[in-house]
C-alpha atoms as a PDB file:
ATOM      1  CA  MET A   1     -56.279  22.716 -62.444  1.00  0.00           C
ATOM      2  CA  PRO A   2     -56.957  20.306 -59.849  1.00  0.00           C
ATOM      3  CA  LYS A   3     -53.925  18.857 -58.347  1.00  0.00           C
ATOM      4  CA  LYS A   4     -53.000  15.478 -59.808  1.00  0.00           C
ATOM      5  CA  ILE A   5     -50.904  12.682 -58.386  1.00  0.00           C
ATOM      6  CA  CYS A   6     -49.895   9.259 -59.691  1.00  0.00           C
ATOM      7  CA  LEU A   7     -49.234   6.071 -57.479  1.00  0.00           C
ATOM      8  CA  THR A   8     -46.972   3.419 -59.619  1.00  0.00           C
ATOM      9  CA  VAL A   9     -46.843   0.156 -58.215  1.00  0.00           C
ATOM     10  CA  ALA A  10     -44.836  -3.386 -59.294  1.00  0.00           C
ATOM     11  CA  CYS A  11     -45.366  -6.425 -57.298  1.00  0.00           C
ATOM     12  CA  PRO A  12     -45.871 -10.232 -57.779  1.00  0.00           C
ATOM     13  CA  THR A  13     -49.190 -11.038 -58.999  1.00  0.00           C
ATOM     14  CA  GLN A  14     -52.086 -12.028 -57.041  1.00  0.00           C
ATOM     15  CA  ARG A  15     -55.734 -11.628 -56.248  1.00  0.00           C
ATOM     16  CA  GLY A  16     -57.017  -8.499 -54.564  1.00  0.00           C
ATOM     17  CA  ILE A  17     -54.344  -5.659 -55.549  1.00  0.00           C
ATOM     18  CA  VAL A  18     -56.531  -3.728 -57.738  1.00  0.00           C
ATOM     19  CA  ALA A  19     -59.383  -3.881 -55.242  1.00  0.00           C
ATOM     20  CA  ALA A  20     -57.055  -2.684 -52.149  1.00  0.00           C
ATOM     21  CA  MET A  21     -55.566   0.006 -53.958  1.00  0.00           C
ATOM     22  CA  THR A  22     -58.821   1.334 -55.324  1.00  0.00           C
ATOM     23  CA  ALA A  23     -60.547   1.433 -51.868  1.00  0.00           C
ATOM     24  CA  PHE A  24     -57.512   2.973 -50.255  1.00  0.00           C
ATOM     25  CA  LEU A  25     -57.775   5.818 -52.602  1.00  0.00           C
ATOM     26  CA  ALA A  26     -61.648   5.918 -52.325  1.00  0.00           C
ATOM     27  CA  GLU A  27     -61.421   6.055 -48.582  1.00  0.00           C
ATOM     28  CA  ARG A  28     -59.271   9.250 -48.552  1.00  0.00           C
ATOM     29  CA  GLY A  29     -61.526  10.971 -51.009  1.00  0.00           C
ATOM     30  CA  CYS A  30     -59.348  10.257 -53.967  1.00  0.00           C
ATOM     31  CA  ASN A  31     -60.994  10.454 -57.524  1.00  0.00           C
ATOM     32  CA  ILE A  32     -59.182   8.187 -59.854  1.00  0.00           C
ATOM     33  CA  VAL A  33     -59.129   9.806 -63.331  1.00  0.00           C
ATOM     34  CA  ASP A  34     -56.959   7.452 -65.132  1.00  0.00           C
ATOM     35  CA  SER A  35     -55.495   3.834 -64.638  1.00  0.00           C
ATOM     36  CA  SER A  36     -53.784   1.345 -66.440  1.00  0.00           C
ATOM     37  CA  GLN A  37     -52.420  -2.161 -65.320  1.00  0.00           C
ATOM     38  CA  PHE A  38     -50.610  -5.064 -66.640  1.00  0.00           C
ATOM     39  CA  ASP A  39     -50.305  -8.585 -65.253  1.00  0.00           C
ATOM     40  CA  ASP A  40     -47.198 -10.815 -66.857  1.00  0.00           C
ATOM     41  CA  MET A  41     -48.372 -14.114 -66.726  1.00  0.00           C
ATOM     42  CA  GLU A  42     -44.606 -15.242 -67.400  1.00  0.00           C
ATOM     43  CA  THR A  43     -42.959 -13.452 -64.917  1.00  0.00           C
ATOM     44  CA  GLY A  44     -45.373 -13.493 -62.368  1.00  0.00           C
ATOM     45  CA  LYS A  45     -45.262  -9.543 -62.017  1.00  0.00           C
ATOM     46  CA  PHE A  46     -47.955  -6.996 -61.772  1.00  0.00           C
ATOM     47  CA  PHE A  47     -47.965  -3.433 -62.881  1.00  0.00           C
ATOM     48  CA  MET A  48     -50.144  -0.432 -62.143  1.00  0.00           C
ATOM     49  CA  ARG A  49     -50.186   3.176 -62.671  1.00  0.00           C
ATOM     50  CA  ILE A  50     -53.142   5.008 -61.102  1.00  0.00           C
ATOM     51  CA  SER A  51     -53.684   8.783 -61.768  1.00  0.00           C
ATOM     52  CA  PHE A  52     -56.068  10.592 -59.128  1.00  0.00           C
ATOM     53  CA  ILE A  53     -57.201  13.858 -57.725  1.00  0.00           C
ATOM     54  CA  PRO A  54     -57.161  14.131 -53.921  1.00  0.00           C
ATOM     55  CA  GLU A  55     -60.480  15.951 -53.847  1.00  0.00           C
ATOM     56  CA  THR A  56     -60.553  16.203 -49.765  1.00  0.00           C
ATOM     57  CA  GLY A  57     -56.821  17.485 -49.503  1.00  0.00           C
ATOM     58  CA  ALA A  58     -55.052  14.552 -48.591  1.00  0.00           C
ATOM     59  CA  GLU A  59     -51.648  15.221 -49.054  1.00  0.00           C
ATOM     60  CA  GLN A  60     -48.997  13.337 -50.836  1.00  0.00           C
ATOM     61  CA  GLY A  61     -46.373  12.303 -47.874  1.00  0.00           C
ATOM     62  CA  GLU A  62     -49.602  10.946 -45.796  1.00  0.00           C
ATOM     63  CA  LEU A  63     -50.773   8.974 -48.711  1.00  0.00           C
ATOM     64  CA  SER A  64     -47.327   7.270 -49.029  1.00  0.00           C
ATOM     65  CA  GLU A  65     -47.286   6.903 -45.469  1.00  0.00           C
ATOM     66  CA  ALA A  66     -50.627   5.212 -44.826  1.00  0.00           C
ATOM     67  CA  PHE A  67     -49.980   3.254 -48.200  1.00  0.00           C
ATOM     68  CA  ALA A  68     -47.288   1.380 -46.635  1.00  0.00           C
ATOM     69  CA  GLN A  69     -49.319  -1.213 -44.924  1.00  0.00           C
ATOM     70  CA  ILE A  70     -50.902  -2.241 -48.303  1.00  0.00           C
ATOM     71  CA  ALA A  71     -47.408  -2.419 -49.606  1.00  0.00           C
ATOM     72  CA  ASP A  72     -46.247  -4.538 -47.461  1.00  0.00           C
ATOM     73  CA  ALA A  73     -49.001  -7.189 -47.522  1.00  0.00           C
ATOM     74  CA  PHE A  74     -48.578  -7.220 -51.412  1.00  0.00           C
ATOM     75  CA  GLU A  75     -44.451  -7.090 -51.396  1.00  0.00           C
ATOM     76  CA  MET A  76     -45.075  -3.598 -53.474  1.00  0.00           C
ATOM     77  CA  THR A  77     -42.553  -1.431 -54.991  1.00  0.00           C
ATOM     78  CA  TYR A  78     -44.279   1.763 -55.098  1.00  0.00           C
ATOM     79  CA  ALA A  79     -44.107   5.455 -55.385  1.00  0.00           C
ATOM     80  CA  PHE A  80     -46.485   8.454 -55.413  1.00  0.00           C
ATOM     81  CA  HIS A  81     -45.641  11.365 -57.962  1.00  0.00           C
ATOM     82  CA  ASP A  82     -46.983  14.910 -58.157  1.00  0.00           C
ATOM     83  CA  GLU A  83     -47.748  15.345 -61.611  1.00  0.00           C
ATOM     84  CA  SER A  84     -47.133  19.182 -61.777  1.00  0.00           C
ATOM     85  CA  LEU A  85     -43.519  18.661 -61.117  1.00  0.00           C
ATOM     86  CA  LYS A  86     -41.156  18.577 -64.004  1.00  0.00           C
ATOM     87  CA  MET A  87     -38.393  15.806 -63.488  1.00  0.00           C
ATOM     88  CA  LYS A  88     -34.939  17.098 -63.915  1.00  0.00           C
ATOM     89  CA  MET A  89     -32.835  15.884 -67.021  1.00  0.00           C
ATOM     90  CA  VAL A  90     -29.404  16.281 -68.270  1.00  0.00           C
ATOM     91  CA  ILE A  91     -28.902  15.591 -71.764  1.00  0.00           C
ATOM     92  CA  MET A  92     -25.424  14.456 -73.295  1.00  0.00           C
ATOM     93  CA  VAL A  93     -24.520  14.970 -76.790  1.00  0.00           C
ATOM     94  CA  SER A  94     -21.254  14.717 -79.098  1.00  0.00           C
ATOM     95  CA  ARG A  95     -21.317  16.130 -82.922  1.00  0.00           C
ATOM     96  CA  PHE A  96     -24.709  14.962 -84.479  1.00  0.00           C
ATOM     97  CA  GLY A  97     -27.233  17.731 -82.935  1.00  0.00           C
ATOM     98  CA  HIS A  98     -30.625  16.638 -84.426  1.00  0.00           C
ATOM     99  CA  CYS A  99     -31.702  15.216 -81.005  1.00  0.00           C
ATOM    100  CA  LEU A 100     -30.567  17.890 -79.261  1.00  0.00           C
ATOM    101  CA  ASN A 101     -32.370  20.546 -81.284  1.00  0.00           C
ATOM    102  CA  ASP A 102     -35.637  18.434 -81.274  1.00  0.00           C
ATOM    103  CA  LEU A 103     -35.336  18.180 -77.444  1.00  0.00           C
ATOM    104  CA  LEU A 104     -34.699  22.004 -77.025  1.00  0.00           C
ATOM    105  CA  TYR A 105     -37.597  22.909 -79.282  1.00  0.00           C
ATOM    106  CA  ARG A 106     -40.140  20.454 -77.646  1.00  0.00           C
ATOM    107  CA  TRP A 107     -38.905  21.720 -74.057  1.00  0.00           C
ATOM    108  CA  ARG A 108     -39.497  25.169 -75.277  1.00  0.00           C
ATOM    109  CA  ILE A 109     -42.882  24.824 -76.391  1.00  0.00           C
ATOM    110  CA  GLY A 110     -44.009  22.863 -73.193  1.00  0.00           C
ATOM    111  CA  ALA A 111     -44.103  19.413 -75.220  1.00  0.00           C
ATOM    112  CA  LEU A 112     -42.169  17.461 -72.385  1.00  0.00           C
ATOM    113  CA  PRO A 113     -42.709  17.597 -68.872  1.00  0.00           C
ATOM    114  CA  VAL A 114     -39.071  18.176 -67.842  1.00  0.00           C
ATOM    115  CA  GLU A 115     -36.616  20.658 -66.664  1.00  0.00           C
ATOM    116  CA  ILE A 116     -33.276  20.531 -68.801  1.00  0.00           C
ATOM    117  CA  VAL A 117     -30.868  21.462 -66.073  1.00  0.00           C
ATOM    118  CA  ALA A 118     -27.633  21.112 -68.300  1.00  0.00           C
ATOM    119  CA  VAL A 119     -26.318  19.972 -71.206  1.00  0.00           C
ATOM    120  CA  ILE A 120     -22.809  18.146 -71.132  1.00  0.00           C
ATOM    121  CA  SER A 121     -20.798  17.405 -74.370  1.00  0.00           C
ATOM    122  CA  ASN A 122     -17.294  16.254 -75.127  1.00  0.00           C
ATOM    123  CA  HIS A 123     -17.179  18.998 -77.801  1.00  0.00           C
ATOM    124  CA  MET A 124     -17.804  22.743 -77.812  1.00  0.00           C
ATOM    125  CA  ASP A 125     -19.970  22.491 -81.052  1.00  0.00           C
ATOM    126  CA  TYR A 126     -23.211  23.376 -79.575  1.00  0.00           C
ATOM    127  CA  GLN A 127     -22.186  25.628 -76.760  1.00  0.00           C
ATOM    128  CA  LYS A 128     -23.843  28.794 -78.113  1.00  0.00           C
ATOM    129  CA  LEU A 129     -26.970  26.925 -79.139  1.00  0.00           C
ATOM    130  CA  VAL A 130     -27.416  25.790 -75.504  1.00  0.00           C
ATOM    131  CA  VAL A 131     -26.368  28.591 -73.488  1.00  0.00           C
ATOM    132  CA  ASN A 132     -28.932  30.892 -76.056  1.00  0.00           C
ATOM    133  CA  HIS A 133     -31.622  28.661 -74.598  1.00  0.00           C
ATOM    134  CA  ASP A 134     -30.465  29.703 -70.901  1.00  0.00           C
ATOM    135  CA  ILE A 135     -29.349  26.393 -70.052  1.00  0.00           C
ATOM    136  CA  PRO A 136     -25.839  25.705 -68.503  1.00  0.00           C
ATOM    137  CA  PHE A 137     -23.380  24.044 -70.964  1.00  0.00           C
ATOM    138  CA  HIS A 138     -20.419  21.938 -69.901  1.00  0.00           C
ATOM    139  CA  CYS A 139     -17.712  20.784 -72.081  1.00  0.00           C
ATOM    140  CA  ILE A 140     -16.047  17.646 -70.594  1.00  0.00           C
ATOM    141  CA  LYS A 141     -13.358  16.246 -72.916  1.00  0.00           C
ATOM    142  CA  VAL A 142     -13.106  12.663 -72.681  1.00  0.00           C
ATOM    143  CA  THR A 143      -9.850  10.486 -73.517  1.00  0.00           C
ATOM    144  CA  LYS A 144      -8.816   6.810 -72.602  1.00  0.00           C
ATOM    145  CA  GLN A 145      -6.467   8.521 -70.005  1.00  0.00           C
ATOM    146  CA  ASN A 146      -9.197  10.776 -68.207  1.00  0.00           C
ATOM    147  CA  LYS A 147     -12.303   8.613 -68.610  1.00  0.00           C
ATOM    148  CA  ALA A 148     -12.607   8.179 -64.994  1.00  0.00           C
ATOM    149  CA  GLN A 149     -12.118  11.591 -63.955  1.00  0.00           C
ATOM    150  CA  ALA A 150     -14.509  12.951 -66.590  1.00  0.00           C
ATOM    151  CA  GLU A 151     -17.325  10.626 -65.457  1.00  0.00           C
ATOM    152  CA  ALA A 152     -16.646  11.639 -62.040  1.00  0.00           C
ATOM    153  CA  GLN A 153     -17.193  15.355 -63.106  1.00  0.00           C
ATOM    154  CA  ILE A 154     -20.458  14.112 -64.827  1.00  0.00           C
ATOM    155  CA  MET A 155     -21.753  12.576 -61.960  1.00  0.00           C
ATOM    156  CA  GLN A 156     -21.170  15.315 -59.699  1.00  0.00           C
ATOM    157  CA  LEU A 157     -22.967  17.779 -62.084  1.00  0.00           C
ATOM    158  CA  VAL A 158     -25.889  15.191 -61.842  1.00  0.00           C
ATOM    159  CA  GLU A 159     -25.683  15.386 -58.182  1.00  0.00           C
ATOM    160  CA  GLU A 160     -25.446  19.202 -58.139  1.00  0.00           C
ATOM    161  CA  THR A 161     -28.100  19.692 -60.403  1.00  0.00           C
ATOM    162  CA  GLY A 162     -30.325  17.214 -58.754  1.00  0.00           C
ATOM    163  CA  ALA A 163     -31.019  15.623 -61.989  1.00  0.00           C
ATOM    164  CA  GLU A 164     -33.344  12.401 -62.254  1.00  0.00           C
ATOM    165  CA  LEU A 165     -32.644  11.600 -65.788  1.00  0.00           C
ATOM    166  CA  ILE A 166     -29.465  11.627 -68.203  1.00  0.00           C
ATOM    167  CA  VAL A 167     -30.387  11.516 -72.115  1.00  0.00           C
ATOM    168  CA  LEU A 168     -27.933  10.531 -74.299  1.00  0.00           C
ATOM    169  CA  ALA A 169     -28.803  12.376 -77.499  1.00  0.00           C
ATOM    170  CA  ARG A 170     -26.275  10.965 -80.000  1.00  0.00           C
ATOM    171  CA  TYR A 171     -23.454  10.888 -77.338  1.00  0.00           C
ATOM    172  CA  MET A 172     -20.667   9.030 -78.880  1.00  0.00           C
ATOM    173  CA  GLN A 173     -18.822   7.869 -75.589  1.00  0.00           C
ATOM    174  CA  ILE A 174     -19.182   4.566 -73.941  1.00  0.00           C
ATOM    175  CA  LEU A 175     -20.145   4.795 -70.397  1.00  0.00           C
ATOM    176  CA  SER A 176     -18.353   2.748 -67.749  1.00  0.00           C
ATOM    177  CA  ASP A 177     -19.858  -0.347 -66.060  1.00  0.00           C
ATOM    178  CA  GLU A 178     -19.809   1.762 -62.815  1.00  0.00           C
ATOM    179  CA  MET A 179     -21.907   4.655 -64.111  1.00  0.00           C
ATOM    180  CA  CYS A 180     -24.465   2.451 -66.005  1.00  0.00           C
ATOM    181  CA  ARG A 181     -24.926   0.768 -62.432  1.00  0.00           C
ATOM    182  CA  LYS A 182     -25.155   3.857 -60.382  1.00  0.00           C
ATOM    183  CA  MET A 183     -27.782   5.420 -62.723  1.00  0.00           C
ATOM    184  CA  SER A 184     -29.348   2.101 -63.684  1.00  0.00           C
ATOM    185  CA  GLY A 185     -33.041   2.796 -65.010  1.00  0.00           C
ATOM    186  CA  ARG A 186     -32.130   6.598 -65.382  1.00  0.00           C
ATOM    187  CA  ILE A 187     -30.121   6.658 -68.654  1.00  0.00           C
ATOM    188  CA  ILE A 188     -31.897   6.774 -71.820  1.00  0.00           C
ATOM    189  CA  ASN A 189     -30.106   6.286 -75.073  1.00  0.00           C
ATOM    190  CA  ILE A 190     -31.410   6.487 -78.717  1.00  0.00           C
ATOM    191  CA  HIS A 191     -29.955   4.134 -81.034  1.00  0.00           C
ATOM    192  CA  HIS A 192     -30.243   3.180 -84.796  1.00  0.00           C
ATOM    193  CA  SER A 193     -31.103  -0.600 -83.852  1.00  0.00           C
ATOM    194  CA  PHE A 194     -33.093  -1.188 -87.005  1.00  0.00           C
ATOM    195  CA  LEU A 195     -29.857  -1.543 -88.700  1.00  0.00           C
ATOM    196  CA  PRO A 196     -28.334  -4.077 -86.692  1.00  0.00           C
ATOM    197  CA  SER A 197     -26.111  -5.751 -89.202  1.00  0.00           C
ATOM    198  CA  PHE A 198     -24.376  -2.267 -89.931  1.00  0.00           C
ATOM    199  CA  LYS A 199     -21.708  -1.508 -87.773  1.00  0.00           C
ATOM    200  CA  GLY A 200     -19.473   1.430 -87.749  1.00  0.00           C
ATOM    201  CA  ALA A 201     -19.847   5.204 -88.313  1.00  0.00           C
ATOM    202  CA  ASN A 202     -22.060   5.386 -91.054  1.00  0.00           C
ATOM    203  CA  PRO A 203     -25.109   2.908 -90.997  1.00  0.00           C
ATOM    204  CA  TYR A 204     -27.467   4.801 -93.128  1.00  0.00           C
ATOM    205  CA  LYS A 205     -24.743   4.638 -96.044  1.00  0.00           C
ATOM    206  CA  GLN A 206     -24.459   0.947 -95.749  1.00  0.00           C
ATOM    207  CA  ALA A 207     -28.018   0.485 -95.526  1.00  0.00           C
ATOM    208  CA  PHE A 208     -28.557   2.369 -98.744  1.00  0.00           C
ATOM    209  CA  GLU A 209     -25.885   0.026-100.385  1.00  0.00           C
ATOM    210  CA  ARG A 210     -27.983  -2.892 -99.421  1.00  0.00           C
ATOM    211  CA  GLY A 211     -31.041  -1.571-100.484  1.00  0.00           C
ATOM    212  CA  VAL A 212     -33.251  -2.035 -97.349  1.00  0.00           C
ATOM    213  CA  LYS A 213     -36.585  -1.066 -97.473  1.00  0.00           C
ATOM    214  CA  LEU A 214     -37.227  -0.102 -93.764  1.00  0.00           C
ATOM    215  CA  ILE A 215     -34.936   2.075 -91.513  1.00  0.00           C
ATOM    216  CA  GLY A 216     -35.721   3.167 -87.693  1.00  0.00           C
ATOM    217  CA  ALA A 217     -34.606   3.717 -84.476  1.00  0.00           C
ATOM    218  CA  THR A 218     -34.602   2.280 -80.661  1.00  0.00           C
ATOM    219  CA  SER A 219     -34.701   4.126 -77.402  1.00  0.00           C
ATOM    220  CA  HIS A 220     -33.781   2.122 -74.167  1.00  0.00           C
ATOM    221  CA  TYR A 221     -32.068   2.303 -70.862  1.00  0.00           C
ATOM    222  CA  VAL A 222     -28.628   2.030 -70.705  1.00  0.00           C
ATOM    223  CA  THR A 223     -26.979  -0.913 -69.166  1.00  0.00           C
ATOM    224  CA  ALA A 224     -23.419  -2.366 -68.873  1.00  0.00           C
ATOM    225  CA  ASP A 225     -24.264  -4.403 -72.024  1.00  0.00           C
ATOM    226  CA  LEU A 226     -23.833  -1.992 -74.942  1.00  0.00           C
ATOM    227  CA  ASP A 227     -26.797  -0.960 -76.902  1.00  0.00           C
ATOM    228  CA  GLU A 228     -28.660  -4.046 -75.194  1.00  0.00           C
ATOM    229  CA  GLY A 229     -30.912  -2.276 -72.459  1.00  0.00           C
ATOM    230  CA  PRO A 230     -34.604  -2.886 -71.910  1.00  0.00           C
ATOM    231  CA  ILE A 231     -36.404  -1.141 -74.834  1.00  0.00           C
ATOM    232  CA  ILE A 232     -38.688   1.922 -74.343  1.00  0.00           C
ATOM    233  CA  GLU A 233     -39.797   3.004 -77.831  1.00  0.00           C
ATOM    234  CA  GLN A 234     -39.147   1.966 -81.468  1.00  0.00           C
ATOM    235  CA  ASP A 235     -40.438   3.056 -84.699  1.00  0.00           C
ATOM    236  CA  THR A 236     -39.717   2.692 -88.671  1.00  0.00           C
ATOM    237  CA  VAL A 237     -39.872   4.506 -91.656  1.00  0.00           C
ATOM    238  CA  ARG A 238     -40.240   2.991 -95.346  1.00  0.00           C
ATOM    239  CA  VAL A 239     -37.628   3.906 -98.066  1.00  0.00           C
ATOM    240  CA  SER A 240     -37.129   2.905-101.506  1.00  0.00           C
ATOM    241  CA  HIS A 241     -34.571   2.318-104.424  1.00  0.00           C
ATOM    242  CA  ALA A 242     -35.409   5.830-105.568  1.00  0.00           C
ATOM    243  CA  GLN A 243     -34.154   7.473-102.368  1.00  0.00           C
ATOM    244  CA  SER A 244     -30.264   8.531-101.926  1.00  0.00           C
ATOM    245  CA  ALA A 245     -28.025   7.876 -99.191  1.00  0.00           C
ATOM    246  CA  ALA A 246     -28.695  11.428 -98.121  1.00  0.00           C
ATOM    247  CA  ASP A 247     -32.087  10.560 -97.820  1.00  0.00           C
ATOM    248  CA  TYR A 248     -31.785   7.728 -95.793  1.00  0.00           C
ATOM    249  CA  VAL A 249     -29.656  10.016 -93.092  1.00  0.00           C
ATOM    250  CA  SER A 250     -32.340  12.745 -92.996  1.00  0.00           C
ATOM    251  CA  LEU A 251     -35.008  10.257 -92.589  1.00  0.00           C
ATOM    252  CA  GLY A 252     -33.180   8.499 -89.975  1.00  0.00           C
ATOM    253  CA  ARG A 253     -32.357  11.291 -87.924  1.00  0.00           C
ATOM    254  CA  ASP A 254     -36.148  12.353 -88.099  1.00  0.00           C
ATOM    255  CA  VAL A 255     -37.206   9.069 -86.516  1.00  0.00           C
ATOM    256  CA  GLU A 256     -34.416   9.066 -84.025  1.00  0.00           C
ATOM    257  CA  SER A 257     -35.570  12.541 -82.593  1.00  0.00           C
ATOM    258  CA  GLN A 258     -39.351  11.270 -82.452  1.00  0.00           C
ATOM    259  CA  VAL A 259     -38.511   7.819 -80.795  1.00  0.00           C
ATOM    260  CA  LEU A 260     -36.221   9.628 -78.340  1.00  0.00           C
ATOM    261  CA  ALA A 261     -38.862  12.324 -77.525  1.00  0.00           C
ATOM    262  CA  ARG A 262     -41.614   9.582 -77.008  1.00  0.00           C
ATOM    263  CA  ALA A 263     -39.367   7.725 -74.685  1.00  0.00           C
ATOM    264  CA  ILE A 264     -38.584  10.650 -72.693  1.00  0.00           C
ATOM    265  CA  HIS A 265     -42.338  11.613 -72.231  1.00  0.00           C
ATOM    266  CA  ALA A 266     -43.033   8.155 -71.210  1.00  0.00           C
ATOM    267  CA  HIS A 267     -40.351   7.964 -68.551  1.00  0.00           C
ATOM    268  CA  ALA A 268     -40.941  11.641 -67.323  1.00  0.00           C
ATOM    269  CA  ASN A 269     -44.642  10.679 -66.895  1.00  0.00           C
ATOM    270  CA  HIS A 270     -43.730   7.624 -64.718  1.00  0.00           C
ATOM    271  CA  ARG A 271     -45.220   5.380 -67.225  1.00  0.00           C
ATOM    272  CA  VAL A 272     -42.408   3.150 -68.020  1.00  0.00           C
ATOM    273  CA  PHE A 273     -41.764  -0.135 -65.591  1.00  0.00           C
ATOM    274  CA  LEU A 274     -38.554  -2.218 -65.837  1.00  0.00           C
ATOM    275  CA  ASN A 275     -39.633  -5.935 -66.232  1.00  0.00           C
ATOM    276  CA  GLY A 276     -36.398  -8.050 -66.363  1.00  0.00           C
ATOM    277  CA  ASN A 277     -34.910  -7.480 -69.712  1.00  0.00           C
ATOM    278  CA  LYS A 278     -38.018  -5.773 -70.940  1.00  0.00           C
ATOM    279  CA  THR A 279     -40.292  -2.806 -70.021  1.00  0.00           C
ATOM    280  CA  VAL A 280     -43.984  -2.157 -69.526  1.00  0.00           C
ATOM    281  CA  VAL A 281     -44.935   0.828 -71.033  1.00  0.00           C
ATOM    282  CA  PHE A 282     -48.510   2.159 -70.394  1.00  0.00           C
ATOM    283  CA  PRO A 283     -50.035   4.678 -72.918  1.00  0.00           C
ATOM    284  CA  ALA A 284     -50.176   8.448 -72.384  1.00  0.00           C
ATOM    285  CA  SER A 285     -53.618   9.203 -70.365  1.00  0.00           C
ATOM    286  CA  PRO A 286     -56.728  10.663 -72.350  1.00  0.00           C
ATOM    287  CA  GLY A 287     -56.357  14.586 -72.379  1.00  0.00           C
ATOM    288  CA  SER A 288     -52.564  14.816 -71.642  1.00  0.00           C
ATOM    289  CA  TYR A 289     -50.084  16.225 -74.057  1.00  0.00           C
ATOM    290  CA  SER A 290     -48.266  13.413 -75.649  1.00  0.00           C
ATOM    291  CA  SER A 291     -44.999  13.968 -78.172  1.00  0.00           C
ATOM    292  CA  GLU A 292     -46.251  11.435 -80.270  1.00  0.00           C
ATOM    293  CA  ARG A 293     -48.580  13.875 -81.605  1.00  0.00           C
ATOM    294  CA  MET A 294     -45.790  16.109 -82.949  1.00  0.00           C
ATOM    295  CA  GLY A 295     -44.264  13.188 -85.108  1.00  0.00           C
END
C-alpha cells in the first residue's frame, strides 16, 4: 500500500484556505484521496482534514516545514501525520472490565489503530488478562493520602512509554486538575451520561426502577470539570418494561464498549478537533476500517 499522510488544520475562517492547501499539495506531487472540512459560523473557526499520497516522494518533514508559510498567513494550527503509525495508548481500569476486554479484542484483531503500551489499574483484578496479551500491567493503588504520588507514577509511565493517549476504561478515580490540564485533549473517558439524573454506583438499577426507555453512553475528553469535557461520541439503546435490571446493565455495558471504541478510533485517526467546549468529528474515510462496523 502506498504511504498515506493526513494534514489536520484549525484556523480562523476566511476565503482561500482550501485553495491554498490543495494547491500546496498539488504542487508537491501529492494526490488527495480523502478530504473533510467544517466552517463553524458561530465561533468563526475553520477545520479541515486532508488525507493524501505523496506520489513524487515528498517527505513528511519537508512538507511540514514548507507548509509553515501558509500556516502563518492563515493563523493555522496544523500537523502532518503518517497514517501508518499507530498511536501509543495507555488504558486505565478499575474493577469493571467490559471496556478493557472489548479494547483488547479490537486491538488484537487490528480494529483499532493503536499500540497499547501499558494497562494501569488501582486493583489486581485484570493482571492475568493483560499479561496474557503481552502488555505490561501496573497496579498503582490510590488513596486520599497518596493521590499525588500515585498520579506522579502514572505520568512517569506515560512519559516512559511515549503514550500519546490515556483511556479511562471505567477507571473509578477522579483525576486531579493538574493532570487534566497537563494531558488536555489526550485523555478519553466513558460515562453513562444518558442517565444524568441517576447518581451513585448503580445507575442502571435506578433507571430500571424509574422505567426509562433509553439508556446510553457518552465518550468525552477529560477536563477539570467532572464528566463535562467535550463530547466525542454518543449512542443509545432502547429498553422496555419487559426487561430486568440485569438486562439494563448488560445492554449498558455493550453500548459503553462500542461508544468508547468509536471515540478512540476517531481520535487515533486524527478525526477529532477541539472547538471550545465541543468537538468537530469528521467521518471515517471511505475504505478505511471503522470500529463502528463492529457494533
